[in-house]
Protein backbone atom coordinates (compact mmCIF):
# COMPACT_ATOMS: atom_id res chain seq x y z
CA MET A 1 -0.18 2.74 -59.49
CA LYS A 2 -2.74 -0.02 -59.26
CA LYS A 3 -2.96 -2.78 -61.81
CA VAL A 4 -5.96 -2.80 -64.13
CA ALA A 5 -7.82 -5.91 -65.30
CA LEU A 6 -10.25 -6.07 -68.23
CA ILE A 7 -12.72 -8.94 -67.87
CA THR A 8 -15.00 -10.08 -70.65
CA GLY A 9 -18.08 -11.92 -69.54
CA ILE A 10 -18.17 -9.99 -66.28
CA PHE A 11 -21.83 -10.92 -65.66
CA GLY A 12 -21.23 -14.67 -65.82
CA GLN A 13 -20.19 -16.87 -62.92
CA ASP A 14 -16.50 -17.08 -63.83
CA GLY A 15 -16.22 -13.37 -64.62
CA ALA A 16 -17.95 -12.35 -61.39
CA TYR A 17 -15.77 -14.53 -59.17
CA LEU A 18 -12.62 -13.44 -61.02
CA ALA A 19 -13.63 -9.81 -60.48
CA GLU A 20 -14.19 -10.46 -56.78
CA PHE A 21 -10.78 -12.12 -56.48
CA LEU A 22 -8.97 -9.32 -58.34
CA LEU A 23 -10.64 -6.66 -56.21
CA THR A 24 -9.27 -8.38 -53.09
CA LYS A 25 -5.82 -8.11 -54.71
CA ASN A 26 -6.32 -4.33 -55.18
CA TYR A 27 -6.86 -4.38 -58.94
CA ILE A 28 -9.06 -1.91 -60.74
CA VAL A 29 -11.54 -4.11 -62.59
CA ILE A 30 -13.21 -3.17 -65.85
CA GLY A 31 -16.06 -5.35 -67.05
CA ALA A 32 -16.70 -5.49 -70.79
CA SER A 33 -20.00 -6.62 -72.21
CA LYS A 34 -22.23 -6.11 -75.24
CA LYS A 35 -25.19 -5.16 -73.06
CA ILE A 36 -25.03 -3.54 -69.66
CA ASN A 37 -28.22 -3.41 -67.61
CA ASN A 38 -29.27 -3.91 -64.02
CA LYS A 39 -30.87 -7.29 -64.69
CA LYS A 40 -27.49 -8.73 -65.62
CA LYS A 41 -25.77 -7.34 -62.52
CA TRP A 42 -27.58 -9.65 -60.08
CA ARG A 43 -24.55 -11.88 -59.48
CA LEU A 44 -22.26 -8.90 -58.93
CA LYS A 45 -24.80 -7.44 -56.50
CA LYS A 46 -24.97 -10.75 -54.64
CA LEU A 47 -21.17 -10.62 -54.23
CA ASN A 48 -21.49 -6.93 -53.25
CA ILE A 49 -18.94 -5.77 -55.82
CA HIS A 50 -21.19 -4.10 -58.41
CA LYS A 51 -20.29 -0.56 -57.25
CA LYS A 52 -16.55 -1.24 -57.31
CA LEU A 53 -16.37 -2.03 -61.04
CA ILE A 54 -16.12 0.04 -64.18
CA TYR A 55 -18.48 -1.09 -66.93
CA GLU A 56 -17.64 -0.63 -70.60
CA LYS A 57 -19.90 -1.47 -73.50
CA THR A 58 -18.25 -3.23 -76.43
CA MET A 59 -19.29 -3.51 -80.04
CA LYS A 60 -21.79 -6.17 -81.11
CA ASN A 61 -19.11 -8.77 -81.78
CA LEU A 62 -17.51 -9.29 -78.38
CA LEU A 63 -14.43 -10.88 -79.97
CA PHE A 64 -13.82 -7.86 -82.19
CA PHE A 65 -10.33 -6.64 -81.28
CA CYS A 66 -11.07 -2.96 -81.89
CA SER A 67 -13.59 -2.92 -79.02
CA TYR A 68 -10.89 -3.81 -76.53
CA LYS A 69 -8.30 -1.60 -78.17
CA TYR A 70 -10.72 1.32 -77.78
CA ILE A 71 -11.33 0.56 -74.09
CA VAL A 72 -7.61 0.32 -73.35
CA LYS A 73 -6.86 3.58 -75.17
CA LYS A 74 -9.73 5.32 -73.37
CA ILE A 75 -8.37 4.27 -69.99
CA ALA A 76 -4.77 5.08 -70.92
CA ARG A 77 -5.78 8.62 -71.92
CA ASN A 78 -7.54 9.31 -68.62
CA PRO A 79 -5.92 7.28 -65.82
CA ASN A 80 -7.00 9.91 -63.28
CA LYS A 81 -10.65 9.02 -63.94
CA LEU A 82 -10.14 5.51 -62.59
CA PRO A 83 -11.81 5.05 -59.22
CA LYS A 84 -9.70 5.41 -56.10
CA ILE A 85 -10.57 2.19 -54.25
């Protein structure tokens, strides 16, 4: 089974390059952000990785632990829904 990485700040420079690196290492990458829209995906599109990621919206406070706990539980319940890359 592939390893899964959850990246906060996926739309920023560090998050985008980390996602690109992890995808080359065959990870499934989940990007967590408060707001998910096409305007923010420009860097991921430039790296041509925007279609290879799973996007998850978190609660308003990005540091709120329950947001991440929810995402992890959601993925653990349905591992078959993860993309086959």
